[in-house]
Amino acid sequence: MLPILFRDEYLVAIHKHIAHPIIGDATHGKGAHNRLFQQLFACDRLLLACTELRLIHPVTGLPLTLTAPLAADFCRLLGRLGWDGVVAQRWLPDQHGLPGG
């Protein structure tokens, strides 16, 4: 899903409505899913991250892309699920924990 002009609470509500709750969301998520991820993966956080934001610079008018790496615990969980290969390299921290792996 590519959120355009959506706030995070709208994203989680929309995902609940289409039966795709976000893990760790205590308000709109599924308690059973959250408990399972806590038990199996020691995951007690919301699995939602903003990794890239694209906009037009307000002064120069040029395209601007802001990128932030996923948190280390998020990356470890992706690895345990076998999903680490599907994440864009620019969203992974490098070996020193810095953006742009």
PDB file of N, CA and C in Angstrom:
ATOM      1  N   MET A   1       0.845  -1.168   0.000  1.00  0.00           N
ATOM      2  CA  MET A   1       0.000   0.000   0.000  1.00  0.00           C
ATOM      3  C   MET A   1       0.894   1.235   0.000  1.00  0.00           C
ATOM      4  N   LEU A   2       0.610   2.162  -0.864  1.00  0.00           N
ATOM      5  CA  LEU A   2       1.347   3.413  -0.918  1.00  0.00           C
ATOM      6  C   LEU A   2       0.461   4.518  -0.349  1.00  0.00           C
ATOM      7  N   PRO A   3       0.660   4.858   0.926  1.00  0.00           N
ATOM      8  CA  PRO A   3      -0.203   5.876   1.525  1.00  0.00           C
ATOM      9  C   PRO A   3       0.085   7.263   0.972  1.00  0.00           C
ATOM     10  N   ILE A   4      -0.933   7.890   0.451  1.00  0.00           N
ATOM     11  CA  ILE A   4      -0.819   9.245  -0.055  1.00  0.00           C
ATOM     12  C   ILE A   4      -1.779  10.100   0.764  1.00  0.00           C
ATOM     13  N   LEU A   5      -1.219  11.026   1.524  1.00  0.00           N
ATOM     14  CA  LEU A   5      -1.993  11.918   2.386  1.00  0.00           C
ATOM     15  C   LEU A   5      -2.773  11.163   3.457  1.00  0.00           C
ATOM     16  N   PHE A   6      -2.262  10.035   3.936  1.00  0.00           N
ATOM     17  CA  PHE A   6      -2.892   9.289   5.011  1.00  0.00           C
ATOM     18  C   PHE A   6      -2.052   9.407   6.268  1.00  0.00           C
ATOM     19  N   ARG A   7      -2.698   9.452   7.407  1.00  0.00           N
ATOM     20  CA  ARG A   7      -1.997   9.388   8.678  1.00  0.00           C
ATOM     21  C   ARG A   7      -1.967   7.940   9.119  1.00  0.00           C
ATOM     22  N   ASP A   8      -1.051   7.613  10.020  1.00  0.00           N
ATOM     23  CA  ASP A   8      -0.876   6.220  10.421  1.00  0.00           C
ATOM     24  C   ASP A   8      -2.136   5.593  11.000  1.00  0.00           C
ATOM     25  N   GLU A   9      -2.949   6.355  11.757  1.00  0.00           N
ATOM     26  CA  GLU A   9      -4.160   5.756  12.320  1.00  0.00           C
ATOM     27  C   GLU A   9      -5.166   5.383  11.230  1.00  0.00           C
ATOM     28  N   TYR A  10      -5.158   6.097  10.115  1.00  0.00           N
ATOM     29  CA  TYR A  10      -6.019   5.723   8.995  1.00  0.00           C
ATOM     30  C   TYR A  10      -5.521   4.444   8.343  1.00  0.00           C
ATOM     31  N   LEU A  11      -4.209   4.312   8.245  1.00  0.00           N
ATOM     32  CA  LEU A  11      -3.641   3.104   7.653  1.00  0.00           C
ATOM     33  C   LEU A  11      -4.039   1.866   8.435  1.00  0.00           C
ATOM     34  N   VAL A  12      -3.915   1.921   9.762  1.00  0.00           N
ATOM     35  CA  VAL A  12      -4.246   0.739  10.548  1.00  0.00           C
ATOM     36  C   VAL A  12      -5.739   0.446  10.503  1.00  0.00           C
ATOM     37  N   ALA A  13      -6.574   1.472  10.494  1.00  0.00           N
ATOM     38  CA  ALA A  13      -8.018   1.255  10.401  1.00  0.00           C
ATOM     39  C   ALA A  13      -8.395   0.650   9.051  1.00  0.00           C
ATOM     40  N   ILE A  14      -7.776   1.130   7.987  1.00  0.00           N
ATOM     41  CA  ILE A  14      -8.047   0.586   6.652  1.00  0.00           C
ATOM     42  C   ILE A  14      -7.609  -0.865   6.579  1.00  0.00           C
ATOM     43  N   HIS A  15      -6.429  -1.176   7.118  1.00  0.00           N
ATOM     44  CA  HIS A  15      -5.962  -2.565   7.084  1.00  0.00           C
ATOM     45  C   HIS A  15      -6.858  -3.480   7.904  1.00  0.00           C
ATOM     46  N   LYS A  16      -7.400  -2.983   9.003  1.00  0.00           N
ATOM     47  CA  LYS A  16      -8.343  -3.788   9.785  1.00  0.00           C
ATOM     48  C   LYS A  16      -9.592  -4.059   8.941  1.00  0.00           C
ATOM     49  N   HIS A  17     -10.072  -3.046   8.273  1.00  0.00           N
ATOM     50  CA  HIS A  17     -11.291  -3.179   7.471  1.00  0.00           C
ATOM     51  C   HIS A  17     -11.131  -4.213   6.355  1.00  0.00           C
ATOM     52  N   ILE A  18      -9.938  -4.307   5.765  1.00  0.00           N
ATOM     53  CA  ILE A  18      -9.731  -5.279   4.683  1.00  0.00           C
ATOM     54  C   ILE A  18      -9.138  -6.594   5.214  1.00  0.00           C
ATOM     55  N   ALA A  19      -9.240  -6.791   6.549  1.00  0.00           N
ATOM     56  CA  ALA A  19      -8.801  -8.023   7.219  1.00  0.00           C
ATOM     57  C   ALA A  19      -7.291  -8.260   7.095  1.00  0.00           C
ATOM     58  N   HIS A  20      -6.503  -7.174   7.103  1.00  0.00           N
ATOM     59  CA  HIS A  20      -5.041  -7.253   7.119  1.00  0.00           C
ATOM     60  C   HIS A  20      -4.533  -6.403   8.288  1.00  0.00           C
ATOM     61  N   PRO A  21      -4.812  -6.831   9.534  1.00  0.00           N
ATOM     62  CA  PRO A  21      -4.385  -5.998  10.669  1.00  0.00           C
ATOM     63  C   PRO A  21      -2.865  -5.914  10.761  1.00  0.00           C
ATOM     64  N   ILE A  22      -2.388  -4.819  11.268  1.00  0.00           N
ATOM     65  CA  ILE A  22      -0.952  -4.606  11.424  1.00  0.00           C
ATOM     66  C   ILE A  22      -0.534  -5.169  12.779  1.00  0.00           C
ATOM     67  N   ILE A  23       0.494  -6.016  12.773  1.00  0.00           N
ATOM     68  CA  ILE A  23       0.970  -6.646  13.997  1.00  0.00           C
ATOM     69  C   ILE A  23       1.412  -5.578  14.994  1.00  0.00           C
ATOM     70  N   GLY A  24       0.993  -5.751  16.236  1.00  0.00           N
ATOM     71  CA  GLY A  24       1.374  -4.837  17.299  1.00  0.00           C
ATOM     72  C   GLY A  24       0.406  -3.693  17.522  1.00  0.00           C
ATOM     73  N   ASP A  25      -0.595  -3.561  16.667  1.00  0.00           N
ATOM     74  CA  ASP A  25      -1.568  -2.489  16.835  1.00  0.00           C
ATOM     75  C   ASP A  25      -2.605  -2.916  17.869  1.00  0.00           C
ATOM     76  N   ALA A  26      -2.541  -2.318  19.060  1.00  0.00           N
ATOM     77  CA  ALA A  26      -3.428  -2.701  20.151  1.00  0.00           C
ATOM     78  C   ALA A  26      -4.863  -2.217  19.938  1.00  0.00           C
ATOM     79  N   THR A  27      -5.049  -1.163  19.163  1.00  0.00           N
ATOM     80  CA  THR A  27      -6.385  -0.608  18.968  1.00  0.00           C
ATOM     81  C   THR A  27      -7.157  -1.301  17.857  1.00  0.00           C
ATOM     82  N   HIS A  28      -6.552  -1.445  16.675  1.00  0.00           N
ATOM     83  CA  HIS A  28      -7.240  -1.996  15.524  1.00  0.00           C
ATOM     84  C   HIS A  28      -6.770  -3.396  15.157  1.00  0.00           C
ATOM     85  N   GLY A  29      -5.707  -3.861  15.771  1.00  0.00           N
ATOM     86  CA  GLY A  29      -5.134  -5.154  15.413  1.00  0.00           C
ATOM     87  C   GLY A  29      -5.869  -6.323  16.022  1.00  0.00           C
ATOM     88  N   LYS A  30      -5.321  -7.499  15.810  1.00  0.00           N
ATOM     89  CA  LYS A  30      -5.881  -8.735  16.358  1.00  0.00           C
ATOM     90  C   LYS A  30      -5.045  -9.138  17.566  1.00  0.00           C
ATOM     91  N   GLY A  31      -5.673  -9.244  18.722  1.00  0.00           N
ATOM     92  CA  GLY A  31      -4.968  -9.621  19.936  1.00  0.00           C
ATOM     93  C   GLY A  31      -4.256 -10.955  19.803  1.00  0.00           C
ATOM     94  N   ALA A  32      -4.893 -11.923  19.150  1.00  0.00           N
ATOM     95  CA  ALA A  32      -4.280 -13.248  18.984  1.00  0.00           C
ATOM     96  C   ALA A  32      -3.004 -13.157  18.154  1.00  0.00           C
ATOM     97  N   HIS A  33      -3.032 -12.348  17.094  1.00  0.00           N
ATOM     98  CA  HIS A  33      -1.837 -12.174  16.254  1.00  0.00           C
ATOM     99  C   HIS A  33      -0.726 -11.508  17.050  1.00  0.00           C
ATOM    100  N   ASN A  34      -1.078 -10.468  17.805  1.00  0.00           N
ATOM    101  CA  ASN A  34      -0.081  -9.752  18.594  1.00  0.00           C
ATOM    102  C   ASN A  34       0.554 -10.673  19.639  1.00  0.00           C
ATOM    103  N   ARG A  35      -0.275 -11.474  20.328  1.00  0.00           N
ATOM    104  CA  ARG A  35       0.255 -12.404  21.330  1.00  0.00           C
ATOM    105  C   ARG A  35       1.163 -13.453  20.690  1.00  0.00           C
ATOM    106  N   LEU A  36       0.775 -13.956  19.512  1.00  0.00           N
ATOM    107  CA  LEU A  36       1.594 -14.950  18.819  1.00  0.00           C
ATOM    108  C   LEU A  36       2.970 -14.378  18.477  1.00  0.00           C
ATOM    109  N   PHE A  37       3.002 -13.168  17.955  1.00  0.00           N
ATOM    110  CA  PHE A  37       4.282 -12.539  17.615  1.00  0.00           C
ATOM    111  C   PHE A  37       5.109 -12.243  18.869  1.00  0.00           C
ATOM    112  N   GLN A  38       4.450 -11.937  19.979  1.00  0.00           N
ATOM    113  CA  GLN A  38       5.178 -11.745  21.231  1.00  0.00           C
ATOM    114  C   GLN A  38       5.809 -13.058  21.680  1.00  0.00           C
ATOM    115  N   GLN A  39       5.044 -14.143  21.596  1.00  0.00           N
ATOM    116  CA  GLN A  39       5.535 -15.445  22.054  1.00  0.00           C
ATOM    117  C   GLN A  39       6.618 -16.004  21.140  1.00  0.00           C
ATOM    118  N   LEU A  40       6.391 -15.975  19.834  1.00  0.00           N
ATOM    119  CA  LEU A  40       7.325 -16.592  18.893  1.00  0.00           C
ATOM    120  C   LEU A  40       8.559 -15.745  18.598  1.00  0.00           C
ATOM    121  N   PHE A  41       8.393 -14.429  18.572  1.00  0.00           N
ATOM    122  CA  PHE A  41       9.469 -13.556  18.097  1.00  0.00           C
ATOM    123  C   PHE A  41       9.882 -12.463  19.092  1.00  0.00           C
ATOM    124  N   ALA A  42       9.316 -12.507  20.310  1.00  0.00           N
ATOM    125  CA  ALA A  42       9.585 -11.464  21.307  1.00  0.00           C
ATOM    126  C   ALA A  42       9.327 -10.075  20.717  1.00  0.00           C
ATOM    127  N   CYS A  43       8.281  -9.981  19.933  1.00  0.00           N
ATOM    128  CA  CYS A  43       7.928  -8.735  19.243  1.00  0.00           C
ATOM    129  C   CYS A  43       6.781  -8.064  19.993  1.00  0.00           C
ATOM    130  N   ASP A  44       7.081  -6.942  20.608  1.00  0.00           N
ATOM    131  CA  ASP A  44       6.036  -6.225  21.340  1.00  0.00           C
ATOM    132  C   ASP A  44       5.897  -4.793  20.837  1.00  0.00           C
ATOM    133  N   ARG A  45       6.083  -4.618  19.550  1.00  0.00           N
ATOM    134  CA  ARG A  45       6.002  -3.289  18.959  1.00  0.00           C
ATOM    135  C   ARG A  45       5.096  -3.305  17.734  1.00  0.00           C
ATOM    136  N   LEU A  46       4.696  -2.133  17.320  1.00  0.00           N
ATOM    137  CA  LEU A  46       3.916  -1.962  16.106  1.00  0.00           C
ATOM    138  C   LEU A  46       4.826  -2.196  14.904  1.00  0.00           C
ATOM    139  N   LEU A  47       4.457  -3.113  14.040  1.00  0.00           N
ATOM    140  CA  LEU A  47       5.270  -3.405  12.856  1.00  0.00           C
ATOM    141  C   LEU A  47       4.812  -2.539  11.684  1.00  0.00           C
ATOM    142  N   LEU A  48       5.085  -1.273  11.836  1.00  0.00           N
ATOM    143  CA  LEU A  48       4.752  -0.276  10.829  1.00  0.00           C
ATOM    144  C   LEU A  48       5.902   0.715  10.811  1.00  0.00           C
ATOM    145  N   ALA A  49       6.414   1.013   9.637  1.00  0.00           N
ATOM    146  CA  ALA A  49       7.554   1.924   9.539  1.00  0.00           C
ATOM    147  C   ALA A  49       7.435   2.786   8.296  1.00  0.00           C
ATOM    148  N   CYS A  50       7.834   4.027   8.431  1.00  0.00           N
ATOM    149  CA  CYS A  50       7.949   4.918   7.279  1.00  0.00           C
ATOM    150  C   CYS A  50       9.411   4.899   6.862  1.00  0.00           C
ATOM    151  N   THR A  51       9.700   4.296   5.733  1.00  0.00           N
ATOM    152  CA  THR A  51      11.084   4.151   5.294  1.00  0.00           C
ATOM    153  C   THR A  51      11.467   5.146   4.206  1.00  0.00           C
ATOM    154  N   GLU A  52      10.482   5.684   3.517  1.00  0.00           N
ATOM    155  CA  GLU A  52      10.796   6.615   2.439  1.00  0.00           C
ATOM    156  C   GLU A  52       9.652   7.603   2.245  1.00  0.00           C
ATOM    157  N   LEU A  53      10.034   8.845   2.060  1.00  0.00           N
ATOM    158  CA  LEU A  53       9.071   9.912   1.831  1.00  0.00           C
ATOM    159  C   LEU A  53       9.547  10.706   0.622  1.00  0.00           C
ATOM    160  N   ARG A  54       8.685  10.850  -0.353  1.00  0.00           N
ATOM    161  CA  ARG A  54       9.034  11.611  -1.559  1.00  0.00           C
ATOM    162  C   ARG A  54       8.138  12.836  -1.642  1.00  0.00           C
ATOM    163  N   LEU A  55       8.759  13.968  -1.931  1.00  0.00           N
ATOM    164  CA  LEU A  55       8.010  15.214  -2.033  1.00  0.00           C
ATOM    165  C   LEU A  55       8.750  16.188  -2.929  1.00  0.00           C
ATOM    166  N   ILE A  56       8.102  17.278  -3.213  1.00  0.00           N
ATOM    167  CA  ILE A  56       8.722  18.355  -3.978  1.00  0.00           C
ATOM    168  C   ILE A  56       9.226  19.382  -2.970  1.00  0.00           C
ATOM    169  N   HIS A  57      10.509  19.727  -3.085  1.00  0.00           N
ATOM    170  CA  HIS A  57      11.099  20.690  -2.170  1.00  0.00           C
ATOM    171  C   HIS A  57      10.352  22.014  -2.311  1.00  0.00           C
ATOM    172  N   PRO A  58       9.911  22.598  -1.195  1.00  0.00           N
ATOM    173  CA  PRO A  58       9.079  23.802  -1.275  1.00  0.00           C
ATOM    174  C   PRO A  58       9.798  25.042  -1.807  1.00  0.00           C
ATOM    175  N   VAL A  59      11.120  25.070  -1.740  1.00  0.00           N
ATOM    176  CA  VAL A  59      11.860  26.246  -2.210  1.00  0.00           C
ATOM    177  C   VAL A  59      12.393  26.024  -3.620  1.00  0.00           C
ATOM    178  N   THR A  60      13.071  24.885  -3.841  1.00  0.00           N
ATOM    179  CA  THR A  60      13.705  24.650  -5.134  1.00  0.00           C
ATOM    180  C   THR A  60      12.755  24.079  -6.174  1.00  0.00           C
ATOM    181  N   GLY A  61      11.673  23.427  -5.706  1.00  0.00           N
ATOM    182  CA  GLY A  61      10.746  22.786  -6.637  1.00  0.00           C
ATOM    183  C   GLY A  61      11.260  21.462  -7.181  1.00  0.00           C
ATOM    184  N   LEU A  62      12.419  21.011  -6.686  1.00  0.00           N
ATOM    185  CA  LEU A  62      13.008  19.749  -7.150  1.00  0.00           C
ATOM    186  C   LEU A  62      12.486  18.577  -6.331  1.00  0.00           C
ATOM    187  N   PRO A  63      12.449  17.385  -6.942  1.00  0.00           N
ATOM    188  CA  PRO A  63      12.040  16.195  -6.183  1.00  0.00           C
ATOM    189  C   PRO A  63      13.023  15.936  -5.047  1.00  0.00           C
ATOM    190  N   LEU A  64      12.487  15.545  -3.905  1.00  0.00           N
ATOM    191  CA  LEU A  64      13.298  15.263  -2.732  1.00  0.00           C
ATOM    192  C   LEU A  64      12.846  13.925  -2.163  1.00  0.00           C
ATOM    193  N   THR A  65      13.790  13.032  -1.909  1.00  0.00           N
ATOM    194  CA  THR A  65      13.486  11.739  -1.311  1.00  0.00           C
ATOM    195  C   THR A  65      14.218  11.635   0.016  1.00  0.00           C
ATOM    196  N   LEU A  66      13.455  11.402   1.071  1.00  0.00           N
ATOM    197  CA  LEU A  66      14.009  11.201   2.406  1.00  0.00           C
ATOM    198  C   LEU A  66      13.884   9.716   2.721  1.00  0.00           C
ATOM    199  N   THR A  67      14.973   9.101   3.153  1.00  0.00           N
ATOM    200  CA  THR A  67      14.987   7.669   3.423  1.00  0.00           C
ATOM    201  C   THR A  67      15.482   7.426   4.836  1.00  0.00           C
ATOM    202  N   ALA A  68      14.820   6.501   5.534  1.00  0.00           N
ATOM    203  CA  ALA A  68      15.231   6.130   6.890  1.00  0.00           C
ATOM    204  C   ALA A  68      15.283   4.604   6.958  1.00  0.00           C
ATOM    205  N   PRO A  69      16.308   4.065   7.593  1.00  0.00           N
ATOM    206  CA  PRO A  69      16.403   2.613   7.679  1.00  0.00           C
ATOM    207  C   PRO A  69      15.395   2.044   8.674  1.00  0.00           C
ATOM    208  N   LEU A  70      15.061   0.799   8.475  1.00  0.00           N
ATOM    209  CA  LEU A  70      14.234   0.095   9.441  1.00  0.00           C
ATOM    210  C   LEU A  70      15.018  -0.092  10.729  1.00  0.00           C
ATOM    211  N   ALA A  71      14.320  -0.168  11.839  1.00  0.00           N
ATOM    212  CA  ALA A  71      14.974  -0.432  13.120  1.00  0.00           C
ATOM    213  C   ALA A  71      15.578  -1.836  13.099  1.00  0.00           C
ATOM    214  N   ALA A  72      16.632  -2.018  13.866  1.00  0.00           N
ATOM    215  CA  ALA A  72      17.340  -3.305  13.883  1.00  0.00           C
ATOM    216  C   ALA A  72      16.422  -4.462  14.273  1.00  0.00           C
ATOM    217  N   ASP A  73      15.532  -4.251  15.262  1.00  0.00           N
ATOM    218  CA  ASP A  73      14.643  -5.343  15.665  1.00  0.00           C
ATOM    219  C   ASP A  73      13.657  -5.702  14.559  1.00  0.00           C
ATOM    220  N   PHE A  74      13.237  -4.713  13.788  1.00  0.00           N
ATOM    221  CA  PHE A  74      12.343  -4.951  12.654  1.00  0.00           C
ATOM    222  C   PHE A  74      13.085  -5.795  11.609  1.00  0.00           C
ATOM    223  N   CYS A  75      14.332  -5.448  11.324  1.00  0.00           N
ATOM    224  CA  CYS A  75      15.136  -6.195  10.352  1.00  0.00           C
ATOM    225  C   CYS A  75      15.362  -7.637  10.801  1.00  0.00           C
ATOM    226  N   ARG A  76      15.637  -7.825  12.083  1.00  0.00           N
ATOM    227  CA  ARG A  76      15.834  -9.190  12.602  1.00  0.00           C
ATOM    228  C   ARG A  76      14.569 -10.026  12.432  1.00  0.00           C
ATOM    229  N   LEU A  77      13.425  -9.428  12.711  1.00  0.00           N
ATOM    230  CA  LEU A  77      12.165 -10.144  12.555  1.00  0.00           C
ATOM    231  C   LEU A  77      11.929 -10.511  11.093  1.00  0.00           C
ATOM    232  N   LEU A  78      12.198  -9.584  10.183  1.00  0.00           N
ATOM    233  CA  LEU A  78      12.061  -9.900   8.758  1.00  0.00           C
ATOM    234  C   LEU A  78      12.946 -11.081   8.381  1.00  0.00           C
ATOM    235  N   GLY A  79      14.155 -11.115   8.915  1.00  0.00           N
ATOM    236  CA  GLY A  79      15.068 -12.224   8.653  1.00  0.00           C
ATOM    237  C   GLY A  79      14.527 -13.539   9.174  1.00  0.00           C
ATOM    238  N   ARG A  80      13.982 -13.524  10.384  1.00  0.00           N
ATOM    239  CA  ARG A  80      13.427 -14.754  10.965  1.00  0.00           C
ATOM    240  C   ARG A  80      12.229 -15.258  10.172  1.00  0.00           C
ATOM    241  N   LEU A  81      11.502 -14.350   9.546  1.00  0.00           N
ATOM    242  CA  LEU A  81      10.346 -14.738   8.727  1.00  0.00           C
ATOM    243  C   LEU A  81      10.753 -15.100   7.296  1.00  0.00           C
ATOM    244  N   GLY A  82      12.030 -14.894   6.959  1.00  0.00           N
ATOM    245  CA  GLY A  82      12.504 -15.178   5.610  1.00  0.00           C
ATOM    246  C   GLY A  82      12.140 -14.102   4.605  1.00  0.00           C
ATOM    247  N   TRP A  83      11.822 -12.899   5.099  1.00  0.00           N
ATOM    248  CA  TRP A  83      11.385 -11.815   4.225  1.00  0.00           C
ATOM    249  C   TRP A  83      12.458 -10.759   4.028  1.00  0.00           C
ATOM    250  N   ASP A  84      13.651 -10.966   4.560  1.00  0.00           N
ATOM    251  CA  ASP A  84      14.674  -9.932   4.474  1.00  0.00           C
ATOM    252  C   ASP A  84      15.105  -9.644   3.041  1.00  0.00           C
ATOM    253  N   GLY A  85      14.975 -10.590   2.136  1.00  0.00           N
ATOM    254  CA  GLY A  85      15.370 -10.383   0.748  1.00  0.00           C
ATOM    255  C   GLY A  85      14.408  -9.532  -0.064  1.00  0.00           C
ATOM    256  N   VAL A  86      13.234  -9.235   0.474  1.00  0.00           N
ATOM    257  CA  VAL A  86      12.249  -8.455  -0.284  1.00  0.00           C
ATOM    258  C   VAL A  86      12.258  -6.969   0.075  1.00  0.00           C
ATOM    259  N   VAL A  87      13.107  -6.597   1.022  1.00  0.00           N
ATOM    260  CA  VAL A  87      13.183  -5.202   1.457  1.00  0.00           C
ATOM    261  C   VAL A  87      14.245  -4.473   0.643  1.00  0.00           C
ATOM    262  N   ALA A  88      13.923  -3.285   0.184  1.00  0.00           N
ATOM    263  CA  ALA A  88      14.884  -2.486  -0.581  1.00  0.00           C
ATOM    264  C   ALA A  88      16.143  -2.252   0.247  1.00  0.00           C
ATOM    265  N   GLN A  89      17.287  -2.425  -0.363  1.00  0.00           N
ATOM    266  CA  GLN A  89      18.572  -2.279   0.331  1.00  0.00           C
ATOM    267  C   GLN A  89      18.707  -0.915   1.001  1.00  0.00           C
ATOM    268  N   ARG A  90      18.155   0.120   0.387  1.00  0.00           N
ATOM    269  CA  ARG A  90      18.299   1.472   0.948  1.00  0.00           C
ATOM    270  C   ARG A  90      17.504   1.633   2.245  1.00  0.00           C
ATOM    271  N   TRP A  91      16.615   0.688   2.563  1.00  0.00           N
ATOM    272  CA  TRP A  91      15.848   0.759   3.801  1.00  0.00           C
ATOM    273  C   TRP A  91      16.490  -0.038   4.928  1.00  0.00           C
ATOM    274  N   LEU A  92      17.618  -0.691   4.651  1.00  0.00           N
ATOM    275  CA  LEU A  92      18.304  -1.492   5.665  1.00  0.00           C
ATOM    276  C   LEU A  92      19.476  -0.705   6.240  1.00  0.00           C
ATOM    277  N   PRO A  93      19.705  -0.839   7.550  1.00  0.00           N
ATOM    278  CA  PRO A  93      20.891  -0.181   8.110  1.00  0.00           C
ATOM    279  C   PRO A  93      22.142  -0.893   7.615  1.00  0.00           C
ATOM    280  N   ASP A  94      23.239  -0.161   7.477  1.00  0.00           N
ATOM    281  CA  ASP A  94      24.484  -0.814   7.075  1.00  0.00           C
ATOM    282  C   ASP A  94      25.085  -1.514   8.291  1.00  0.00           C
ATOM    283  N   GLN A  95      26.239  -2.127   8.139  1.00  0.00           N
ATOM    284  CA  GLN A  95      26.849  -2.888   9.229  1.00  0.00           C
ATOM    285  C   GLN A  95      27.205  -2.003  10.426  1.00  0.00           C
ATOM    286  N   HIS A  96      27.243  -0.704  10.249  1.00  0.00           N
ATOM    287  CA  HIS A  96      27.552   0.213  11.343  1.00  0.00           C
ATOM    288  C   HIS A  96      26.286   0.821  11.935  1.00  0.00           C
ATOM    289  N   GLY A  97      25.118   0.368  11.452  1.00  0.00           N
ATOM    290  CA  GLY A  97      23.863   0.890  11.961  1.00  0.00           C
ATOM    291  C   GLY A  97      23.449   2.199  11.327  1.00  0.00           C
ATOM    292  N   LEU A  98      24.125   2.589  10.245  1.00  0.00           N
ATOM    293  CA  LEU A  98      23.795   3.844   9.577  1.00  0.00           C
ATOM    294  C   LEU A  98      22.865   3.598   8.401  1.00  0.00           C
ATOM    295  N   PRO A  99      22.088   4.600   7.989  1.00  0.00           N
ATOM    296  CA  PRO A  99      21.205   4.425   6.836  1.00  0.00           C
ATOM    297  C   PRO A  99      21.983   4.093   5.571  1.00  0.00           C
ATOM    298  N   GLY A 100      21.287   3.447   4.647  1.00  0.00           N
ATOM    299  CA  GLY A 100      21.837   3.247   3.317  1.00  0.00           C
ATOM    300  C   GLY A 100      22.727   2.057   3.166  1.00  0.00           C
ATOM    301  N   GLY A 101      22.381   0.927   3.821  1.00  0.00           N
ATOM    302  CA  GLY A 101      23.167  -0.290   3.827  1.00  0.00           C
ATOM    303  C   GLY A 101      23.690  -0.738   2.582  1.00  0.00           C
TER     304      GLY A 101
END
